[in-house]
């Protein structure tokens, strides 16, 4: 299904060991607050709790063999992690597509909580041709915004059809949609479509184009937007993976609240997979991987005026991190760690028994 996770892997493979001239990690506390997560992706903070989108671990219906096998199931869910670390499931049963054993899953990628506490999720998609061979039960759930409550998901809108019909970014022969992040507001949801290189608005179930994220070299180097946050100024800020663009080429884009042209806000990052703001305008950027073989990522803190940056965590602590959410009361930043792994892996396997976790990093 052309999962965004695989695009992350492909882009990370071309990145160098170090991304840009950012100071080494300084003193910050690092704590694992939840384990047993299945391919945890974006995170959201609301009313003292953290919500985590779990892309799941696939299922028992497999096609192909060995490393090429892809398995489908309904293991996607949204997990709520309370302040005391207790986990509960907000909604379960979302489709999940993964390799055997559950790594690099695609499915439920994004989560956000509206001001009134309503929880929303977004699922990935692919090209119309890719979807033709997918079971009907899965096709009915791809490329959509869902509301999550009472243990179940209810559809709000289908968002992938806009790209399928219009090829929003005009990349020749590429009507690929992959909704990956969602921002829930009081009266609408803003969706980042990584495949279409677009930011969409969903209002009363109707989908419209808010902004396009420019590509490089006529589409040969695609932006692949991965994350979204609302800044203190009310504008939208979007982080990009910068597929195949290389070391330090990922940027954060600013889009006016009413939509329109995206402008570069900050640059010099590598494989952005999460974005968040503190109330004072400090920005936090999660970098998925500086080197694909090790999956070592980073969390970078950027001052409000952009004049200084520091690495809050990286090296061996953060591996394939995704998402970012700030607790406004404490300033702690929550990030999904080992975001391309199921809840557990074989101890004698390449990941040494590790699984998806949620970590808390306090500057």
Protein backbone atom coordinates (compact mmCIF):
# COMPACT_ATOMS: atom_id res chain seq x y z
CA UNK A 1 0.00 0.00 0.00
CA UNK A 2 2.99 2.31 -0.33
CA UNK A 3 3.17 2.84 3.41
CA UNK A 4 4.66 6.02 4.77
CA UNK A 5 6.80 3.88 7.07
CA UNK A 6 8.62 2.46 4.06
CA UNK A 7 9.16 5.97 2.73
CA UNK A 8 10.67 6.86 6.08
CA UNK A 9 13.03 3.94 5.77
CA UNK A 10 14.01 4.78 2.19
CA UNK A 11 14.72 8.40 3.02
CA UNK A 12 16.61 7.59 6.17
CA UNK A 13 18.84 5.25 4.21
CA UNK A 14 20.32 8.15 2.26
CA UNK A 15 20.89 10.32 5.32
CA UNK A 16 24.37 10.68 6.76
CA UNK A 17 25.29 9.82 10.32
CA UNK A 18 24.89 13.42 11.44
CA UNK A 19 22.34 15.84 10.05
CA UNK A 20 23.27 19.45 10.65
CA UNK A 21 25.42 21.53 12.94
CA UNK A 22 23.28 21.14 16.05
CA UNK A 23 24.91 21.09 19.50
CA UNK A 24 25.20 17.71 21.17
CA UNK A 25 22.54 16.55 23.61
CA UNK A 26 22.45 18.57 26.81
CA UNK A 27 21.02 17.67 30.18
CA UNK A 28 17.45 16.53 29.90
CA UNK A 29 15.64 13.77 31.72
CA UNK A 30 14.55 10.75 29.69
CA UNK A 31 11.91 8.31 30.89
CA UNK A 32 9.99 5.48 29.27
CA UNK A 33 6.39 5.91 30.43
CA UNK A 34 4.61 3.20 28.42
CA UNK A 35 5.63 -0.06 26.77
CA UNK A 36 3.74 -2.71 24.82
CA UNK A 37 2.75 -0.38 21.98
CA UNK A 38 2.34 -1.60 18.40
CA UNK A 39 4.11 0.64 15.88
CA UNK A 40 3.29 3.79 17.88
CA UNK A 41 3.16 6.85 15.65
CA UNK A 42 1.88 10.34 16.36
CA UNK A 43 1.00 11.46 19.87
CA UNK A 44 -1.33 14.08 21.34
CA UNK A 45 -1.55 15.60 24.81
CA UNK A 46 -4.86 16.55 26.42
CA UNK A 47 -5.98 17.09 29.99
CA UNK A 48 -2.98 15.39 31.58
CA UNK A 49 -2.97 12.31 29.35
CA UNK A 50 -1.11 11.28 26.20
CA UNK A 51 -2.90 9.68 23.26
CA UNK A 52 -0.90 7.43 20.95
CA UNK A 53 -1.85 6.24 17.47
CA UNK A 54 -0.90 2.56 17.13
CA UNK A 55 -0.57 1.44 13.51
CA UNK A 56 -0.88 -2.11 14.83
CA UNK A 57 1.08 -5.26 14.04
CA UNK A 58 -0.70 -6.58 10.95
CA UNK A 59 -2.56 -9.85 11.26
CA UNK A 60 -2.87 -13.44 10.11
CA UNK A 61 -3.83 -12.86 6.45
CA UNK A 62 -0.47 -12.79 4.71
CA UNK A 63 0.57 -12.46 1.07
CA UNK A 64 4.07 -13.16 -0.14
CA UNK A 65 6.93 -14.89 1.62
CA UNK A 66 9.84 -13.96 3.84
CA UNK A 67 10.78 -10.30 3.94
CA UNK A 68 8.35 -9.60 1.10
CA UNK A 69 5.33 -10.90 3.01
CA UNK A 70 2.68 -8.38 4.04
CA UNK A 71 0.08 -9.35 6.61
CA UNK A 72 -3.31 -7.73 7.19
CA UNK A 73 -5.28 -7.60 10.42
CA UNK A 74 -7.34 -5.32 12.65
CA UNK A 75 -4.77 -4.56 15.33
CA UNK A 76 -4.70 -0.75 14.95
CA UNK A 77 -5.90 1.24 17.96
CA UNK A 78 -5.59 4.47 19.90
CA UNK A 79 -4.12 4.16 23.38
CA UNK A 80 -4.50 6.66 26.21
CA UNK A 81 -1.64 6.86 28.70
CA UNK A 82 -2.68 8.53 31.96
CA UNK A 83 -0.39 10.63 34.12
CA UNK A 84 0.27 7.61 36.36
CA UNK A 85 1.28 5.49 33.36
CA UNK A 86 -1.88 3.43 33.18
CA UNK A 87 -2.92 2.52 29.64
CA UNK A 88 -6.43 2.25 28.28
CA UNK A 89 -7.76 1.75 24.76
CA UNK A 90 -9.88 4.56 23.33
CA UNK A 91 -10.78 2.63 20.18
CA UNK A 92 -9.61 -0.61 18.61
CA UNK A 93 -10.11 -2.75 15.51
CA UNK A 94 -8.54 -0.50 12.86
CA UNK A 95 -6.92 -2.17 9.86
CA UNK A 96 -3.19 -2.80 10.00
CA UNK A 97 -0.75 -3.90 7.30
CA UNK A 98 2.72 -5.07 8.33
CA UNK A 99 5.54 -7.44 7.60
CA UNK A 100 5.59 -10.83 9.26
CA UNK A 101 6.03 -10.32 12.97
CA UNK A 102 4.52 -6.85 12.79
CA UNK A 103 7.31 -4.35 11.92
CA UNK A 104 6.88 -1.23 9.76
CA UNK A 105 3.09 -1.29 9.92
CA UNK A 106 0.76 0.96 7.97
CA UNK A 107 -2.76 1.86 9.00
CA UNK A 108 -3.70 4.26 11.77
CA UNK A 109 -0.99 6.90 11.65
CA UNK A 110 -2.28 10.09 13.24
CA UNK A 111 -4.15 11.10 16.38
CA UNK A 112 -5.33 14.44 17.75
CA UNK A 113 -7.66 15.61 20.49
CA UNK A 114 -10.05 18.53 19.94
CA UNK A 115 -10.51 21.19 22.64
CA UNK A 116 -13.70 19.47 23.85
CA UNK A 117 -11.87 16.17 24.34
CA UNK A 118 -13.09 14.44 21.16
CA UNK A 119 -10.42 12.09 19.81
CA UNK A 120 -9.70 11.82 16.09
CA UNK A 121 -7.49 9.51 14.06
CA UNK A 122 -6.41 9.32 10.42
CA UNK A 123 -5.50 6.30 8.31
CA UNK A 124 -3.10 5.92 5.41
CA UNK A 125 -3.96 5.12 1.83
CA UNK A 126 -2.21 4.56 -1.52
CA UNK A 127 -2.82 4.92 -5.24
CA UNK A 128 -6.15 3.77 -6.73
CA UNK A 129 -4.34 0.92 -8.46
CA UNK A 130 -2.72 -0.25 -5.22
CA UNK A 131 -6.08 -0.29 -3.51
CA UNK A 132 -7.70 -2.50 -6.15
CA UNK A 133 -6.17 -5.65 -4.72
CA UNK A 134 -6.93 -4.83 -1.10
CA UNK A 135 -9.77 -6.65 0.69
CA UNK A 136 -13.02 -4.68 0.76
CA UNK A 137 -13.00 -4.58 4.57
CA UNK A 138 -9.68 -2.72 4.44
CA UNK A 139 -10.60 -0.44 1.52
CA UNK A 140 -13.55 0.82 3.57
CA UNK A 141 -11.15 2.19 6.18
CA UNK A 142 -8.21 3.63 4.23
CA UNK A 143 -7.63 7.34 3.69
CA UNK A 144 -10.16 8.51 6.26
CA UNK A 145 -10.59 10.66 9.32
CA UNK A 146 -12.28 8.82 12.16
CA UNK A 147 -13.71 9.83 15.51
CA UNK A 148 -12.66 7.45 18.30
CA UNK A 149 -14.89 6.85 21.29
CA UNK A 150 -16.48 4.04 23.25
CA UNK A 151 -13.90 1.57 22.02
CA UNK A 152 -14.79 2.03 18.34
CA UNK A 153 -14.09 4.22 15.30
CA UNK A 154 -16.75 6.13 13.36
CA UNK A 155 -16.02 7.72 9.99
CA UNK A 156 -15.91 11.51 9.70
CA UNK A 157 -14.68 11.92 6.12
CA UNK A 158 -12.79 10.19 3.33
CA UNK A 159 -9.83 12.36 2.39
CA UNK A 160 -7.79 10.34 -0.13
CA UNK A 161 -10.25 10.83 -3.00
CA UNK A 162 -9.21 14.45 -3.47
CA UNK A 163 -5.72 13.35 -4.50
CA UNK A 164 -7.04 10.40 -6.50
CA UNK A 165 -9.25 12.70 -8.56
CA UNK A 166 -7.05 15.76 -8.94
CA UNK A 167 -3.39 14.76 -8.44
CA UNK A 168 -2.97 17.78 -6.21
CA UNK A 169 0.79 18.20 -6.46
CA UNK A 170 0.85 17.55 -10.24
CA UNK A 171 3.58 14.91 -10.02
CA UNK A 172 3.16 13.02 -13.29
CA UNK A 173 1.64 9.58 -12.88
CA UNK A 174 1.52 9.85 -9.10
CA UNK A 175 -2.02 10.00 -7.72
CA UNK A 176 -0.76 8.73 -4.40
CA UNK A 177 -2.54 9.63 -1.19
CA UNK A 178 -1.27 8.76 2.28
CA UNK A 179 -2.94 10.76 5.07
CA UNK A 180 -0.49 10.65 7.95
CA UNK A 181 -1.18 13.36 10.52
CA UNK A 182 -4.28 15.12 11.82
CA UNK A 183 -4.87 18.25 13.88
CA UNK A 184 -8.30 18.43 15.52
CA UNK A 185 -9.74 21.89 16.16
CA UNK A 186 -13.06 22.95 17.62
CA UNK A 187 -14.94 22.94 14.32
CA UNK A 188 -12.70 21.15 11.80
CA UNK A 189 -9.79 18.77 11.29
CA UNK A 190 -6.60 19.57 9.39
CA UNK A 191 -4.99 16.59 7.65
CA UNK A 192 -1.47 16.19 6.30
CA UNK A 193 -1.41 13.96 3.22
CA UNK A 194 2.14 12.65 2.85
CA UNK A 195 1.47 11.06 -0.54
CA UNK A 196 -0.20 14.11 -2.07
CA UNK A 197 2.24 16.61 -0.51
CA UNK A 198 -0.81 18.53 0.62
CA UNK A 199 -2.58 19.86 3.68
CA UNK A 200 -6.35 19.38 3.69
CA UNK A 201 -9.22 20.79 5.70
CA UNK A 202 -12.20 18.69 6.82
CA UNK A 203 -15.22 20.72 7.87
CA UNK A 204 -18.60 19.07 8.48
CA UNK A 205 -17.34 16.01 6.64
CA UNK A 206 -16.39 17.97 3.50
CA UNK A 207 -12.77 17.93 2.32
CA UNK A 208 -10.95 20.85 0.68
CA UNK A 209 -7.37 21.78 -0.15
CA UNK A 210 -5.77 24.14 2.35
CA UNK A 211 -2.22 24.28 0.99
CA UNK A 212 0.39 22.43 -1.06
CA UNK A 213 3.89 21.74 0.23
CA UNK A 214 6.35 22.41 -2.62
CA UNK A 215 8.51 19.61 -4.01
CA UNK A 216 12.07 19.87 -5.29
CA UNK A 217 13.27 19.24 -8.85
CA UNK A 218 9.86 19.09 -10.46
CA UNK A 219 8.61 16.42 -8.11
CA UNK A 220 11.65 14.16 -8.34
CA UNK A 221 12.43 15.09 -4.73
CA UNK A 222 9.12 15.08 -2.95
CA UNK A 223 8.41 16.89 0.31
CA UNK A 224 6.40 14.08 1.97
CA UNK A 225 4.89 16.11 4.83
CA UNK A 226 4.70 14.03 7.97
CA UNK A 227 3.52 16.13 10.90
CA UNK A 228 1.55 19.19 11.89
CA UNK A 229 1.22 21.55 14.84
CA UNK A 230 -0.58 24.82 15.47
CA UNK A 231 1.75 27.60 16.48
CA UNK A 232 1.14 30.28 19.11
CA UNK A 233 0.27 32.65 16.25
CA UNK A 234 -2.59 30.41 15.10
CA UNK A 235 -0.83 29.38 11.89
CA UNK A 236 -0.21 25.76 10.91
CA UNK A 237 3.32 24.37 10.90
CA UNK A 238 4.14 21.27 8.89
CA UNK A 239 7.25 19.12 9.08
CA UNK A 240 8.47 17.17 6.05
CA UNK A 241 10.34 13.95 5.56
CA UNK A 242 12.07 15.42 2.47
CA UNK A 243 12.19 12.09 0.66
CA UNK A 244 15.55 11.34 -1.01
CA UNK A 245 16.68 14.95 -0.57
CA UNK A 246 19.55 14.03 1.72
CA UNK A 247 21.28 15.23 4.82
CA UNK A 248 19.78 18.29 6.53
CA UNK A 249 17.26 19.02 3.78
CA UNK A 250 14.00 18.65 5.72
CA UNK A 251 12.12 21.84 6.51
CA UNK A 252 9.30 23.14 8.67
CA UNK A 253 6.68 25.04 6.66
CA UNK A 254 4.30 27.73 7.85
CA UNK A 255 0.75 27.93 6.45
CA UNK A 256 -1.59 30.83 7.33
CA UNK A 257 -4.61 29.90 9.41
CA UNK A 258 -6.88 30.64 6.46
CA UNK A 259 -4.79 28.54 4.07
CA UNK A 260 -2.70 29.64 1.12
CA UNK A 261 0.95 29.38 0.13
CA UNK A 262 3.32 27.51 2.43
CA UNK A 263 6.54 29.31 3.35
CA UNK A 264 9.71 27.87 4.88
CA UNK A 265 9.80 28.64 8.61
CA UNK A 266 12.90 26.67 9.70
CA UNK A 267 15.28 24.42 7.76
CA UNK A 268 18.28 22.16 8.29
CA UNK A 269 16.60 19.04 9.69
CA UNK A 270 16.66 15.40 8.61
CA UNK A 271 13.58 13.16 8.17
CA UNK A 272 11.14 15.11 10.34
CA UNK A 273 8.54 12.81 11.89
CA UNK A 274 7.10 14.96 14.68
CA UNK A 275 6.47 18.60 15.50
CA UNK A 276 5.17 20.47 18.55
CA UNK A 277 5.22 23.91 20.17
CA UNK A 278 5.45 25.01 23.77
CA UNK A 279 3.27 27.95 24.83
CA UNK A 280 6.23 30.36 24.59
CA UNK A 281 6.88 29.45 20.94
CA UNK A 282 9.73 27.03 21.53
CA UNK A 283 9.54 24.39 18.82
CA UNK A 284 10.33 20.71 19.15
CA UNK A 285 11.28 18.67 16.08
CA UNK A 286 11.52 14.88 16.04
CA UNK A 287 13.95 13.45 13.49
CA UNK A 288 13.14 9.88 12.55
CA UNK A 289 16.63 8.59 11.68
CA UNK A 290 20.04 10.04 10.95
CA UNK A 291 21.24 6.63 9.84
CA UNK A 292 18.87 3.91 8.72
CA UNK A 293 21.05 1.00 9.77
CA UNK A 294 20.96 2.13 13.39
CA UNK A 295 17.60 3.98 13.30
CA UNK A 296 19.10 6.58 15.63
CA UNK A 297 16.92 9.68 15.74
CA UNK A 298 16.80 12.91 17.72
CA UNK A 299 14.56 15.40 19.45
CA UNK A 300 15.71 18.95 18.72
CA UNK A 301 14.63 22.04 20.65
CA UNK A 302 14.50 25.28 18.66
CA UNK A 303 14.24 28.69 20.33
CA UNK A 304 11.27 30.90 19.38
CA UNK A 305 13.43 33.20 17.26
CA UNK A 306 15.32 30.30 15.69
CA UNK A 307 18.69 31.56 16.91
CA UNK A 308 19.58 28.47 18.94
CA UNK A 309 19.05 24.74 18.81
CA UNK A 310 19.94 21.89 21.09
CA UNK A 311 19.49 18.15 21.00
CA UNK A 312 17.43 17.00 23.98
CA UNK A 313 17.76 13.30 23.21
CA UNK A 314 19.36 11.14 20.58
CA UNK A 315 22.01 8.51 20.08
CA UNK A 316 21.03 5.15 21.54
CA UNK A 317 18.02 6.48 23.41
CA UNK A 318 15.83 7.44 20.47
CA UNK A 319 15.38 4.88 17.70
CA UNK A 320 12.97 5.64 14.87
CA UNK A 321 11.11 8.23 16.98
CA UNK A 322 7.84 9.66 15.70
CA UNK A 323 5.44 12.33 16.91
CA UNK A 324 5.82 15.04 19.52
CA UNK A 325 3.46 16.51 22.10
CA UNK A 326 4.17 19.02 24.86
CA UNK A 327 2.66 19.09 28.35
CA UNK A 328 2.07 22.83 28.81
CA UNK A 329 2.20 22.54 32.59
CA UNK A 330 5.62 20.88 32.88
CA UNK A 331 7.23 21.47 29.49
CA UNK A 332 7.82 17.73 29.07
CA UNK A 333 7.80 16.41 25.51
CA UNK A 334 6.29 13.02 24.67
CA UNK A 335 7.57 11.02 21.70
CA UNK A 336 6.87 7.55 20.33
CA UNK A 337 10.04 5.45 20.38
CA UNK A 338 10.79 2.39 18.23
CA UNK A 339 7.81 3.60 16.20
CA UNK A 340 8.26 0.96 13.49
CA UNK A 341 8.16 -2.02 15.87
CA UNK A 342 5.29 -4.05 17.35
CA UNK A 343 4.93 -4.44 21.11
CA UNK A 344 7.70 -7.02 21.18
CA UNK A 345 10.22 -8.58 18.81
CA UNK A 346 12.26 -11.80 19.05
CA UNK A 347 15.14 -11.51 21.48
CA UNK A 348 17.46 -13.12 18.94
CA UNK A 349 16.19 -10.87 16.13
CA UNK A 350 17.71 -7.67 14.71
CA UNK A 351 15.90 -5.51 17.29
CA UNK A 352 16.89 -7.58 20.32
CA UNK A 353 13.41 -8.00 21.73
CA UNK A 354 12.61 -4.30 21.68
CA UNK A 355 9.11 -3.01 20.97
CA UNK A 356 7.14 0.20 20.62
CA UNK A 357 7.24 2.58 23.58
CA UNK A 358 6.27 6.10 24.67
CA UNK A 359 8.99 8.25 26.21
CA UNK A 360 8.94 11.48 28.18
CA UNK A 361 11.75 13.98 27.70
CA UNK A 362 11.93 16.94 30.06
CA UNK A 363 14.27 19.80 29.06
